Amino acid sequence: MLCQGDYRMKKYERIGISGGTFDPIHCGHLIMAEEIRQKFNLDRVIFIPTGMPPHKVTAKVTEAEHRFSMVFDAIRSNPFFKALRTEIDRKGYTYTVDTLLQLRAIFGTEVKMFFITGADVVGDLLNWKDYEKVFSLCEFIAAFRPGNKRDGFIKQIEYINNNYHTHIHTADVPLIDISSTLVRERIRNNQSIKYLVPECVEKYILDNRLYR
């Protein structure tokens, strides 16, 4: 099963892609995605938990099925959010370029795709595998998060837009200072994570004794 729902039977014009380890997904992820969906008039936001992320080879990442299940539960109540298994079902390392090519096969060539990311990731885009191909397959939406040095990121975005034939949009979103690292640390320290993650995610974490 590739995804939640049968996308091949539907026609979309503008799709947002929210990728990440989601270890775990938290309210900051959801608020950012919903805010961007509205501001950019997106038909859907597709959440894609990573499988084996190459940039985290030395870090312990929670088993993919747990991370997907938490994402699936967290977005269930939003009809504009969907979850897709492409990366966790792919063997080996998961690269964005391969995911975008697979999405093209699912949605067709006419749909406009926007990859949603934090502004802090912009400086690393030129290190992504086949980044020029990535730029040809989608546009980017860079969201400013707490602690971002806006002027520096704007300069990076202007440089990439002007020199690499891509389009990186910027988005101001509510400043929700939550991270997956914070959630994991609070669990290890026996502190509450209530209101940092959706209730269903909190229950899933407790039921499966994750991050202990």
N, C-alpha and C. Protein backbone atom coordinates (compact mmCIF):
# COMPACT_ATOMS: atom_id res chain seq x y z
N MET A 1 0.85 -1.20 0.00
CA MET A 1 0.00 0.00 0.00
C MET A 1 0.88 1.24 0.00
N LEU A 2 0.73 2.10 -1.00
CA LEU A 2 1.55 3.29 -1.08
C LEU A 2 1.08 4.39 -0.16
N CYS A 3 -0.23 4.57 -0.04
CA CYS A 3 -0.68 5.77 0.66
C CYS A 3 -2.05 5.58 1.27
N GLN A 4 -2.39 6.59 2.06
CA GLN A 4 -3.71 6.64 2.66
C GLN A 4 -4.67 7.23 1.64
N GLY A 5 -5.57 6.43 1.10
CA GLY A 5 -6.45 6.92 0.05
C GLY A 5 -5.91 6.59 -1.33
N ASP A 6 -6.75 6.63 -2.34
CA ASP A 6 -6.35 6.32 -3.71
C ASP A 6 -6.23 7.61 -4.50
N TYR A 7 -4.98 8.10 -4.64
CA TYR A 7 -4.75 9.38 -5.30
C TYR A 7 -4.92 9.29 -6.81
N ARG A 8 -4.78 8.12 -7.35
CA ARG A 8 -4.81 8.00 -8.81
C ARG A 8 -6.19 8.33 -9.37
N MET A 9 -7.22 8.29 -8.52
CA MET A 9 -8.57 8.56 -8.98
C MET A 9 -8.94 10.03 -8.84
N LYS A 10 -8.02 10.85 -8.30
CA LYS A 10 -8.34 12.25 -8.02
C LYS A 10 -7.41 13.17 -8.80
N LYS A 11 -7.90 14.39 -9.06
CA LYS A 11 -7.12 15.37 -9.77
C LYS A 11 -6.82 16.54 -8.84
N TYR A 12 -5.55 16.78 -8.60
CA TYR A 12 -5.13 17.90 -7.78
C TYR A 12 -4.30 18.84 -8.62
N GLU A 13 -4.31 20.11 -8.25
CA GLU A 13 -3.50 21.10 -8.96
C GLU A 13 -2.28 21.52 -8.17
N ARG A 14 -2.41 21.60 -6.85
CA ARG A 14 -1.32 22.09 -6.00
C ARG A 14 -1.22 21.19 -4.77
N ILE A 15 -0.04 20.58 -4.61
CA ILE A 15 0.18 19.64 -3.52
C ILE A 15 1.39 20.07 -2.71
N GLY A 16 1.24 20.09 -1.40
CA GLY A 16 2.35 20.33 -0.51
C GLY A 16 2.92 19.01 -0.02
N ILE A 17 4.22 18.96 0.14
CA ILE A 17 4.90 17.74 0.59
C ILE A 17 5.63 18.07 1.89
N SER A 18 5.26 17.38 2.95
CA SER A 18 5.91 17.57 4.23
C SER A 18 6.65 16.30 4.59
N GLY A 19 7.97 16.32 4.44
CA GLY A 19 8.78 15.15 4.72
C GLY A 19 9.60 15.34 5.98
N GLY A 20 10.01 14.24 6.57
CA GLY A 20 10.84 14.31 7.77
C GLY A 20 10.81 13.00 8.50
N THR A 21 11.64 12.89 9.52
CA THR A 21 11.62 11.65 10.31
C THR A 21 10.36 11.56 11.16
N PHE A 22 9.81 12.70 11.58
CA PHE A 22 8.61 12.71 12.43
C PHE A 22 8.80 11.73 13.59
N ASP A 23 9.81 12.03 14.41
CA ASP A 23 10.22 11.09 15.46
C ASP A 23 10.18 11.75 16.85
N PRO A 24 8.96 12.11 17.33
CA PRO A 24 7.64 11.89 16.74
C PRO A 24 7.12 13.15 16.06
N ILE A 25 6.00 13.01 15.34
CA ILE A 25 5.30 14.18 14.83
C ILE A 25 4.75 14.96 16.03
N HIS A 26 4.76 16.29 15.94
CA HIS A 26 4.27 17.10 17.06
C HIS A 26 3.38 18.22 16.54
N CYS A 27 2.83 19.00 17.45
CA CYS A 27 1.86 20.02 17.07
C CYS A 27 2.48 21.11 16.21
N GLY A 28 3.76 21.37 16.36
CA GLY A 28 4.43 22.35 15.51
C GLY A 28 4.39 21.96 14.05
N HIS A 29 4.62 20.66 13.76
CA HIS A 29 4.53 20.16 12.38
C HIS A 29 3.14 20.43 11.80
N LEU A 30 2.13 20.14 12.59
CA LEU A 30 0.75 20.24 12.11
C LEU A 30 0.32 21.69 11.90
N ILE A 31 0.70 22.55 12.83
CA ILE A 31 0.35 23.96 12.70
C ILE A 31 1.02 24.56 11.48
N MET A 32 2.29 24.26 11.27
CA MET A 32 3.01 24.79 10.11
C MET A 32 2.37 24.31 8.81
N ALA A 33 2.04 23.03 8.73
CA ALA A 33 1.47 22.47 7.50
C ALA A 33 0.10 23.08 7.21
N GLU A 34 -0.72 23.27 8.24
CA GLU A 34 -2.05 23.83 8.03
C GLU A 34 -1.96 25.30 7.62
N GLU A 35 -1.06 26.04 8.25
CA GLU A 35 -0.89 27.44 7.91
C GLU A 35 -0.44 27.60 6.46
N ILE A 36 0.52 26.79 6.04
CA ILE A 36 1.04 26.86 4.67
C ILE A 36 -0.03 26.39 3.67
N ARG A 37 -0.79 25.37 4.05
CA ARG A 37 -1.86 24.90 3.15
C ARG A 37 -2.80 26.05 2.80
N GLN A 38 -3.16 26.82 3.80
CA GLN A 38 -4.10 27.92 3.56
C GLN A 38 -3.44 29.06 2.79
N LYS A 39 -2.23 29.43 3.17
CA LYS A 39 -1.57 30.57 2.54
C LYS A 39 -1.25 30.32 1.08
N PHE A 40 -0.96 29.07 0.73
CA PHE A 40 -0.55 28.76 -0.64
C PHE A 40 -1.66 28.03 -1.41
N ASN A 41 -2.84 27.98 -0.84
CA ASN A 41 -4.00 27.41 -1.53
C ASN A 41 -3.70 25.99 -2.05
N LEU A 42 -3.21 25.14 -1.16
CA LEU A 42 -2.86 23.78 -1.53
C LEU A 42 -4.08 22.87 -1.43
N ASP A 43 -4.23 21.98 -2.40
CA ASP A 43 -5.34 21.03 -2.37
C ASP A 43 -5.14 19.97 -1.30
N ARG A 44 -3.92 19.56 -1.10
CA ARG A 44 -3.57 18.56 -0.09
C ARG A 44 -2.15 18.82 0.40
N VAL A 45 -1.91 18.41 1.65
CA VAL A 45 -0.54 18.32 2.16
C VAL A 45 -0.28 16.85 2.43
N ILE A 46 0.75 16.32 1.79
CA ILE A 46 1.10 14.91 1.91
C ILE A 46 2.26 14.78 2.90
N PHE A 47 2.06 14.02 3.96
CA PHE A 47 3.10 13.76 4.96
C PHE A 47 3.82 12.47 4.60
N ILE A 48 5.15 12.56 4.51
CA ILE A 48 5.95 11.41 4.08
C ILE A 48 7.06 11.15 5.10
N PRO A 49 6.83 10.26 6.05
CA PRO A 49 7.91 9.92 6.98
C PRO A 49 9.07 9.26 6.25
N THR A 50 10.29 9.65 6.59
CA THR A 50 11.46 9.06 5.94
C THR A 50 11.64 7.61 6.35
N GLY A 51 12.26 6.86 5.47
CA GLY A 51 12.60 5.49 5.78
C GLY A 51 13.93 5.42 6.49
N MET A 52 15.01 5.33 5.70
CA MET A 52 16.36 5.32 6.24
C MET A 52 17.05 6.61 5.77
N PRO A 53 16.97 7.70 6.54
CA PRO A 53 17.53 8.98 6.09
C PRO A 53 19.05 8.95 6.08
N PRO A 54 19.70 9.27 4.94
CA PRO A 54 21.16 9.19 4.86
C PRO A 54 21.87 10.19 5.77
N HIS A 55 21.21 11.32 6.11
CA HIS A 55 21.85 12.33 6.94
C HIS A 55 21.80 11.98 8.42
N LYS A 56 21.15 10.86 8.77
CA LYS A 56 21.07 10.49 10.18
C LYS A 56 21.59 9.07 10.39
N VAL A 57 22.63 8.71 9.63
CA VAL A 57 23.13 7.34 9.71
C VAL A 57 23.72 7.02 11.07
N THR A 58 24.20 8.03 11.80
CA THR A 58 24.80 7.77 13.10
C THR A 58 23.80 7.95 14.24
N ALA A 59 22.60 8.39 13.93
CA ALA A 59 21.59 8.64 14.96
C ALA A 59 20.60 7.48 15.00
N LYS A 60 20.06 7.24 16.17
CA LYS A 60 19.05 6.19 16.31
C LYS A 60 17.69 6.79 15.95
N VAL A 61 17.07 6.24 14.93
CA VAL A 61 15.76 6.69 14.48
C VAL A 61 14.75 5.59 14.80
N THR A 62 13.62 5.98 15.36
CA THR A 62 12.59 5.02 15.74
C THR A 62 12.10 4.24 14.52
N GLU A 63 11.76 2.99 14.74
CA GLU A 63 11.33 2.10 13.66
C GLU A 63 10.23 2.78 12.83
N ALA A 64 10.33 2.61 11.52
CA ALA A 64 9.51 3.38 10.58
C ALA A 64 8.01 3.16 10.78
N GLU A 65 7.60 1.94 11.08
CA GLU A 65 6.16 1.68 11.22
C GLU A 65 5.58 2.46 12.40
N HIS A 66 6.33 2.61 13.47
CA HIS A 66 5.87 3.43 14.59
C HIS A 66 5.69 4.88 14.15
N ARG A 67 6.67 5.41 13.44
CA ARG A 67 6.61 6.81 13.03
C ARG A 67 5.46 7.05 12.05
N PHE A 68 5.26 6.11 11.13
CA PHE A 68 4.13 6.25 10.20
C PHE A 68 2.80 6.19 10.94
N SER A 69 2.67 5.27 11.87
CA SER A 69 1.42 5.13 12.62
C SER A 69 1.10 6.41 13.39
N MET A 70 2.11 7.05 13.96
CA MET A 70 1.87 8.29 14.69
C MET A 70 1.43 9.40 13.74
N VAL A 71 2.06 9.48 12.57
CA VAL A 71 1.65 10.48 11.58
C VAL A 71 0.23 10.22 11.13
N PHE A 72 -0.08 8.98 10.81
CA PHE A 72 -1.42 8.62 10.34
C PHE A 72 -2.48 9.02 11.36
N ASP A 73 -2.23 8.71 12.63
CA ASP A 73 -3.19 9.06 13.67
C ASP A 73 -3.31 10.57 13.85
N ALA A 74 -2.17 11.27 13.79
CA ALA A 74 -2.16 12.71 14.06
C ALA A 74 -2.93 13.51 13.02
N ILE A 75 -2.93 13.06 11.76
CA ILE A 75 -3.56 13.85 10.69
C ILE A 75 -4.95 13.34 10.32
N ARG A 76 -5.40 12.30 10.98
CA ARG A 76 -6.64 11.63 10.59
C ARG A 76 -7.84 12.58 10.52
N SER A 77 -7.89 13.56 11.41
CA SER A 77 -9.07 14.41 11.48
C SER A 77 -9.06 15.56 10.47
N ASN A 78 -7.97 15.74 9.75
CA ASN A 78 -7.87 16.84 8.78
C ASN A 78 -8.06 16.29 7.36
N PRO A 79 -9.15 16.63 6.69
CA PRO A 79 -9.41 16.05 5.36
C PRO A 79 -8.43 16.54 4.29
N PHE A 80 -7.66 17.57 4.59
CA PHE A 80 -6.68 18.08 3.63
C PHE A 80 -5.29 17.47 3.83
N PHE A 81 -5.12 16.66 4.86
CA PHE A 81 -3.85 16.02 5.14
C PHE A 81 -3.94 14.54 4.80
N LYS A 82 -2.90 14.02 4.17
CA LYS A 82 -2.83 12.59 3.88
C LYS A 82 -1.42 12.09 4.17
N ALA A 83 -1.32 10.80 4.44
CA ALA A 83 -0.02 10.18 4.72
C ALA A 83 0.35 9.21 3.61
N LEU A 84 1.62 9.17 3.27
CA LEU A 84 2.08 8.33 2.18
C LEU A 84 3.29 7.52 2.64
N ARG A 85 3.34 6.24 2.26
CA ARG A 85 4.34 5.31 2.75
C ARG A 85 5.55 5.17 1.83
N THR A 86 5.64 5.96 0.80
CA THR A 86 6.65 5.75 -0.23
C THR A 86 8.04 5.52 0.34
N GLU A 87 8.47 6.35 1.27
CA GLU A 87 9.86 6.25 1.73
C GLU A 87 10.07 5.11 2.71
N ILE A 88 9.10 4.83 3.57
CA ILE A 88 9.33 3.75 4.52
C ILE A 88 9.23 2.38 3.85
N ASP A 89 8.58 2.31 2.70
CA ASP A 89 8.49 1.05 1.96
C ASP A 89 9.67 0.85 1.00
N ARG A 90 10.49 1.89 0.81
CA ARG A 90 11.61 1.80 -0.11
C ARG A 90 12.82 1.21 0.61
N LYS A 91 13.50 0.29 -0.01
CA LYS A 91 14.68 -0.31 0.60
C LYS A 91 15.87 0.63 0.48
N GLY A 92 16.76 0.56 1.46
CA GLY A 92 17.96 1.37 1.43
C GLY A 92 17.68 2.80 1.85
N TYR A 93 18.65 3.67 1.59
CA TYR A 93 18.50 5.07 1.96
C TYR A 93 17.40 5.73 1.15
N THR A 94 16.74 6.71 1.75
CA THR A 94 15.66 7.42 1.08
C THR A 94 16.13 8.81 0.70
N TYR A 95 16.03 9.12 -0.58
CA TYR A 95 16.44 10.42 -1.10
C TYR A 95 15.23 11.15 -1.66
N THR A 96 15.21 12.47 -1.47
CA THR A 96 14.07 13.28 -1.92
C THR A 96 13.85 13.16 -3.42
N VAL A 97 14.91 13.10 -4.20
CA VAL A 97 14.75 13.04 -5.65
C VAL A 97 13.96 11.80 -6.06
N ASP A 98 14.20 10.66 -5.40
CA ASP A 98 13.48 9.44 -5.73
C ASP A 98 12.01 9.55 -5.33
N THR A 99 11.76 10.20 -4.20
CA THR A 99 10.39 10.39 -3.75
C THR A 99 9.61 11.28 -4.71
N LEU A 100 10.25 12.37 -5.15
CA LEU A 100 9.57 13.28 -6.08
C LEU A 100 9.25 12.60 -7.40
N LEU A 101 10.17 11.78 -7.89
CA LEU A 101 9.91 11.04 -9.13
C LEU A 101 8.74 10.09 -8.95
N GLN A 102 8.66 9.46 -7.80
CA GLN A 102 7.54 8.54 -7.55
C GLN A 102 6.23 9.30 -7.43
N LEU A 103 6.27 10.48 -6.81
CA LEU A 103 5.06 11.29 -6.71
C LEU A 103 4.58 11.73 -8.08
N ARG A 104 5.51 12.04 -8.97
CA ARG A 104 5.13 12.40 -10.34
C ARG A 104 4.38 11.23 -11.00
N ALA A 105 4.84 10.01 -10.73
CA ALA A 105 4.19 8.84 -11.31
C ALA A 105 2.78 8.67 -10.75
N ILE A 106 2.57 9.08 -9.49
CA ILE A 106 1.26 8.94 -8.86
C ILE A 106 0.31 10.04 -9.31
N PHE A 107 0.80 11.29 -9.27
CA PHE A 107 -0.08 12.44 -9.48
C PHE A 107 -0.07 12.97 -10.90
N GLY A 108 0.91 12.60 -11.71
CA GLY A 108 0.99 13.11 -13.07
C GLY A 108 1.86 14.35 -13.17
N THR A 109 2.08 14.78 -14.39
CA THR A 109 3.03 15.87 -14.64
C THR A 109 2.42 17.25 -14.50
N GLU A 110 1.10 17.35 -14.46
CA GLU A 110 0.48 18.67 -14.44
C GLU A 110 0.36 19.27 -13.04
N VAL A 111 0.35 18.43 -12.01
CA VAL A 111 0.21 18.93 -10.66
C VAL A 111 1.46 19.72 -10.25
N LYS A 112 1.25 20.80 -9.52
CA LYS A 112 2.36 21.61 -9.04
C LYS A 112 2.70 21.15 -7.62
N MET A 113 3.96 20.80 -7.38
CA MET A 113 4.36 20.27 -6.10
C MET A 113 5.23 21.28 -5.36
N PHE A 114 4.96 21.42 -4.07
CA PHE A 114 5.70 22.33 -3.20
C PHE A 114 6.26 21.52 -2.03
N PHE A 115 7.58 21.53 -1.91
CA PHE A 115 8.22 20.81 -0.80
C PHE A 115 8.32 21.78 0.38
N ILE A 116 7.70 21.43 1.50
CA ILE A 116 7.66 22.29 2.68
C ILE A 116 8.82 21.94 3.60
N THR A 117 9.56 22.95 4.00
CA THR A 117 10.71 22.71 4.88
C THR A 117 10.95 23.92 5.75
N GLY A 118 11.76 23.76 6.76
CA GLY A 118 12.15 24.89 7.58
C GLY A 118 13.20 25.72 6.88
N ALA A 119 13.23 27.02 7.16
CA ALA A 119 14.22 27.89 6.52
C ALA A 119 15.64 27.46 6.84
N ASP A 120 15.84 26.78 7.97
CA ASP A 120 17.18 26.35 8.35
C ASP A 120 17.73 25.26 7.43
N VAL A 121 16.87 24.64 6.64
CA VAL A 121 17.31 23.57 5.73
C VAL A 121 17.81 24.14 4.40
N VAL A 122 17.43 25.38 4.08
CA VAL A 122 17.73 25.96 2.77
C VAL A 122 19.22 25.90 2.45
N GLY A 123 20.05 26.21 3.44
CA GLY A 123 21.49 26.23 3.20
C GLY A 123 22.07 24.88 2.83
N ASP A 124 21.33 23.80 3.09
CA ASP A 124 21.82 22.44 2.80
C ASP A 124 21.29 21.88 1.49
N LEU A 125 20.40 22.60 0.81
CA LEU A 125 19.76 22.05 -0.39
C LEU A 125 20.77 21.67 -1.47
N LEU A 126 21.83 22.45 -1.59
CA LEU A 126 22.81 22.17 -2.65
C LEU A 126 23.64 20.92 -2.36
N ASN A 127 23.46 20.35 -1.17
CA ASN A 127 24.15 19.10 -0.84
C ASN A 127 23.24 17.89 -1.04
N TRP A 128 21.98 18.13 -1.41
CA TRP A 128 21.08 17.01 -1.62
C TRP A 128 21.47 16.24 -2.88
N LYS A 129 21.17 14.96 -2.88
CA LYS A 129 21.44 14.13 -4.05
C LYS A 129 20.65 14.65 -5.25
N ASP A 130 21.35 14.84 -6.38
CA ASP A 130 20.72 15.29 -7.64
C ASP A 130 19.84 16.52 -7.41
N TYR A 131 20.41 17.51 -6.70
CA TYR A 131 19.60 18.67 -6.33
C TYR A 131 19.03 19.42 -7.54
N GLU A 132 19.76 19.43 -8.66
CA GLU A 132 19.23 20.12 -9.84
C GLU A 132 17.97 19.43 -10.36
N LYS A 133 17.95 18.11 -10.28
CA LYS A 133 16.74 17.36 -10.66
C LYS A 133 15.62 17.65 -9.68
N VAL A 134 15.95 17.72 -8.39
CA VAL A 134 14.96 18.07 -7.37
C VAL A 134 14.32 19.42 -7.69
N PHE A 135 15.17 20.41 -8.04
CA PHE A 135 14.67 21.75 -8.35
C PHE A 135 13.75 21.76 -9.56
N SER A 136 13.96 20.83 -10.48
CA SER A 136 13.11 20.78 -11.67
C SER A 136 11.77 20.10 -11.40
N LEU A 137 11.70 19.36 -10.31
CA LEU A 137 10.49 18.59 -10.01
C LEU A 137 9.52 19.32 -9.08
N CYS A 138 10.03 20.26 -8.29
CA CYS A 138 9.15 20.93 -7.33
C CYS A 138 9.67 22.32 -7.01
N GLU A 139 8.80 23.10 -6.40
CA GLU A 139 9.20 24.35 -5.78
C GLU A 139 9.28 24.12 -4.27
N PHE A 140 9.87 25.06 -3.55
CA PHE A 140 10.02 24.92 -2.12
C PHE A 140 9.26 26.02 -1.38
N ILE A 141 8.80 25.68 -0.20
CA ILE A 141 8.24 26.66 0.72
C ILE A 141 9.05 26.58 2.00
N ALA A 142 9.77 27.64 2.30
CA ALA A 142 10.64 27.67 3.48
C ALA A 142 9.93 28.43 4.60
N ALA A 143 9.69 27.74 5.71
CA ALA A 143 8.98 28.34 6.83
C ALA A 143 9.97 28.82 7.87
N PHE A 144 9.75 30.02 8.36
CA PHE A 144 10.61 30.56 9.39
C PHE A 144 10.16 30.05 10.75
N ARG A 145 11.14 29.56 11.52
CA ARG A 145 10.88 28.97 12.82
C ARG A 145 11.50 29.83 13.91
N PRO A 146 11.18 29.54 15.18
CA PRO A 146 11.81 30.28 16.27
C PRO A 146 13.33 30.19 16.20
N GLY A 147 14.01 31.32 16.38
CA GLY A 147 15.46 31.33 16.37
C GLY A 147 16.08 31.54 15.01
N ASN A 148 15.28 31.53 13.95
CA ASN A 148 15.81 31.76 12.61
C ASN A 148 16.37 33.18 12.48
N LYS A 149 17.53 33.31 11.87
CA LYS A 149 18.10 34.61 11.54
C LYS A 149 17.61 34.97 10.14
N ARG A 150 16.52 35.72 10.09
CA ARG A 150 15.79 35.92 8.85
C ARG A 150 16.65 36.49 7.73
N ASP A 151 17.45 37.51 8.00
CA ASP A 151 18.22 38.17 6.93
C ASP A 151 19.17 37.20 6.24
N GLY A 152 19.82 36.37 7.03
CA GLY A 152 20.75 35.40 6.45
C GLY A 152 20.05 34.39 5.56
N PHE A 153 18.90 33.91 6.00
CA PHE A 153 18.16 32.95 5.20
C PHE A 153 17.62 33.57 3.93
N ILE A 154 17.17 34.81 4.00
CA ILE A 154 16.66 35.49 2.81
C ILE A 154 17.77 35.60 1.76
N LYS A 155 18.99 35.91 2.20
CA LYS A 155 20.12 36.00 1.26
C LYS A 155 20.41 34.64 0.63
N GLN A 156 20.35 33.56 1.43
CA GLN A 156 20.57 32.23 0.89
C GLN A 156 19.51 31.89 -0.15
N ILE A 157 18.26 32.20 0.16
CA ILE A 157 17.15 31.91 -0.74
C ILE A 157 17.31 32.68 -2.05
N GLU A 158 17.64 33.96 -1.95
CA GLU A 158 17.83 34.77 -3.16
C GLU A 158 18.97 34.22 -4.01
N TYR A 159 20.04 33.79 -3.37
CA TYR A 159 21.19 33.24 -4.11
C TYR A 159 20.79 31.98 -4.88
N ILE A 160 20.09 31.06 -4.21
CA ILE A 160 19.70 29.81 -4.87
C ILE A 160 18.68 30.09 -5.97
N ASN A 161 17.71 30.94 -5.69
CA ASN A 161 16.71 31.27 -6.72
C ASN A 161 17.34 31.88 -7.96
N ASN A 162 18.34 32.72 -7.77
CA ASN A 162 18.96 33.44 -8.89
C ASN A 162 19.96 32.60 -9.66
N ASN A 163 20.52 31.58 -9.03
CA ASN A 163 21.61 30.84 -9.67
C ASN A 163 21.29 29.40 -10.03
N TYR A 164 20.18 28.86 -9.55
CA TYR A 164 19.93 27.44 -9.76
C TYR A 164 18.56 27.15 -10.36
N HIS A 165 17.93 28.13 -10.96
CA HIS A 165 16.69 27.91 -11.72
C HIS A 165 15.64 27.18 -10.89
N THR A 166 15.45 27.65 -9.68
CA THR A 166 14.39 27.09 -8.84
C THR A 166 13.61 28.24 -8.23
N HIS A 167 12.60 27.91 -7.46
CA HIS A 167 11.78 28.93 -6.81
C HIS A 167 11.54 28.50 -5.37
N ILE A 168 12.13 29.21 -4.44
CA ILE A 168 11.91 28.96 -3.02
C ILE A 168 11.06 30.10 -2.47
N HIS A 169 9.83 29.78 -2.06
CA HIS A 169 8.96 30.76 -1.44
C HIS A 169 9.27 30.83 0.05
N THR A 170 8.89 31.90 0.70
CA THR A 170 9.03 32.00 2.14
C THR A 170 7.65 32.09 2.77
N ALA A 171 7.56 31.61 4.00
CA ALA A 171 6.27 31.64 4.71
C ALA A 171 6.52 31.94 6.17
N ASP A 172 5.80 32.92 6.68
CA ASP A 172 5.80 33.18 8.11
C ASP A 172 4.69 32.34 8.74
N VAL A 173 5.06 31.55 9.73
CA VAL A 173 4.08 30.69 10.40
C VAL A 173 4.12 31.01 11.89
N PRO A 174 3.07 30.65 12.63
CA PRO A 174 3.08 30.88 14.07
C PRO A 174 4.34 30.29 14.72
N LEU A 175 4.95 31.04 15.60
CA LEU A 175 6.21 30.63 16.20
C LEU A 175 5.98 29.63 17.33
N ILE A 176 5.88 28.37 16.96
CA ILE A 176 5.66 27.29 17.93
C ILE A 176 6.99 26.61 18.18
N ASP A 177 7.56 26.87 19.32
CA ASP A 177 8.92 26.38 19.62
C ASP A 177 8.86 24.97 20.21
N ILE A 178 8.53 24.01 19.34
CA ILE A 178 8.48 22.60 19.71
C ILE A 178 9.38 21.84 18.75
N SER A 179 10.08 20.85 19.24
CA SER A 179 10.88 19.99 18.38
C SER A 179 10.69 18.54 18.82
N SER A 180 10.95 17.62 17.90
CA SER A 180 10.89 16.20 18.25
C SER A 180 11.92 15.86 19.31
N THR A 181 13.08 16.51 19.24
CA THR A 181 14.13 16.29 20.24
C THR A 181 13.62 16.65 21.63
N LEU A 182 12.93 17.80 21.73
CA LEU A 182 12.36 18.21 23.01
C LEU A 182 11.38 17.18 23.53
N VAL A 183 10.50 16.69 22.66
CA VAL A 183 9.51 15.69 23.07
C VAL A 183 10.20 14.44 23.61
N ARG A 184 11.20 13.95 22.88
CA ARG A 184 11.91 12.74 23.32
C ARG A 184 12.61 12.96 24.66
N GLU A 185 13.24 14.13 24.81
CA GLU A 185 13.94 14.41 26.07
C GLU A 185 12.98 14.47 27.24
N ARG A 186 11.82 15.07 27.04
CA ARG A 186 10.85 15.17 28.12
C ARG A 186 10.34 13.78 28.53
N ILE A 187 10.16 12.90 27.55
CA ILE A 187 9.73 11.54 27.88
C ILE A 187 10.81 10.82 28.69
N ARG A 188 12.07 10.95 28.26
CA ARG A 188 13.16 10.30 28.99
C ARG A 188 13.29 10.82 30.41
N ASN A 189 12.90 12.08 30.61
CA ASN A 189 12.99 12.69 31.94
C ASN A 189 11.68 12.60 32.72
N ASN A 190 10.75 11.77 32.21
CA ASN A 190 9.46 11.57 32.87
C ASN A 190 8.68 12.88 33.04
N GLN A 191 8.77 13.75 32.03
CA GLN A 191 8.02 15.00 32.03
C GLN A 191 6.85 14.89 31.07
N SER A 192 5.83 15.70 31.31
CA SER A 192 4.63 15.67 30.48
C SER A 192 4.91 16.17 29.06
N ILE A 193 4.27 15.53 28.09
CA ILE A 193 4.31 16.02 26.70
C ILE A 193 2.91 16.45 26.24
N LYS A 194 2.01 16.56 27.20
CA LYS A 194 0.65 16.98 26.87
C LYS A 194 0.66 18.35 26.22
N TYR A 195 -0.09 18.50 25.13
CA TYR A 195 -0.22 19.72 24.32
C TYR A 195 1.00 19.99 23.43
N LEU A 196 2.05 19.18 23.55
CA LEU A 196 3.17 19.28 22.61
C LEU A 196 2.91 18.39 21.39
N VAL A 197 2.19 17.30 21.62
CA VAL A 197 1.80 16.38 20.55
C VAL A 197 0.30 16.16 20.65
N PRO A 198 -0.36 15.73 19.57
CA PRO A 198 -1.78 15.40 19.66
C PRO A 198 -2.01 14.29 20.68
N GLU A 199 -3.20 14.24 21.26
CA GLU A 199 -3.50 13.24 22.28
C GLU A 199 -3.29 11.82 21.77
N CYS A 200 -3.66 11.58 20.51
CA CYS A 200 -3.51 10.24 19.96
C CYS A 200 -2.04 9.83 19.87
N VAL A 201 -1.16 10.80 19.58
CA VAL A 201 0.27 10.51 19.51
C VAL A 201 0.82 10.26 20.91
N GLU A 202 0.38 11.05 21.87
CA GLU A 202 0.80 10.83 23.26
C GLU A 202 0.41 9.42 23.70
N LYS A 203 -0.81 9.02 23.40
CA LYS A 203 -1.27 7.69 23.79
C LYS A 203 -0.46 6.60 23.09
N TYR A 204 -0.17 6.80 21.80
CA TYR A 204 0.60 5.80 21.05
C TYR A 204 1.99 5.64 21.67
N ILE A 205 2.61 6.75 22.00
CA ILE A 205 3.95 6.71 22.60
C ILE A 205 3.92 5.96 23.93
N LEU A 206 2.93 6.27 24.76
CA LEU A 206 2.83 5.61 26.07
C LEU A 206 2.52 4.13 25.91
N ASP A 207 1.58 3.80 25.02
CA ASP A 207 1.19 2.40 24.83
C ASP A 207 2.34 1.55 24.32
N ASN A 208 3.20 2.15 23.49
CA ASN A 208 4.31 1.39 22.89
C ASN A 208 5.65 1.64 23.57
N ARG A 209 5.60 2.40 24.66
CA ARG A 209 6.80 2.67 25.47
C ARG A 209 7.96 3.19 24.62
N LEU A 210 7.67 4.16 23.78
CA LEU A 210 8.69 4.73 22.92
C LEU A 210 9.50 5.79 23.67
N TYR A 211 10.75 5.95 23.26
CA TYR A 211 11.65 6.99 23.74
C TYR A 211 12.03 6.84 25.21
N ARG A 212 11.92 5.63 25.73
CA ARG A 212 12.33 5.39 27.12
C ARG A 212 13.81 5.09 27.20
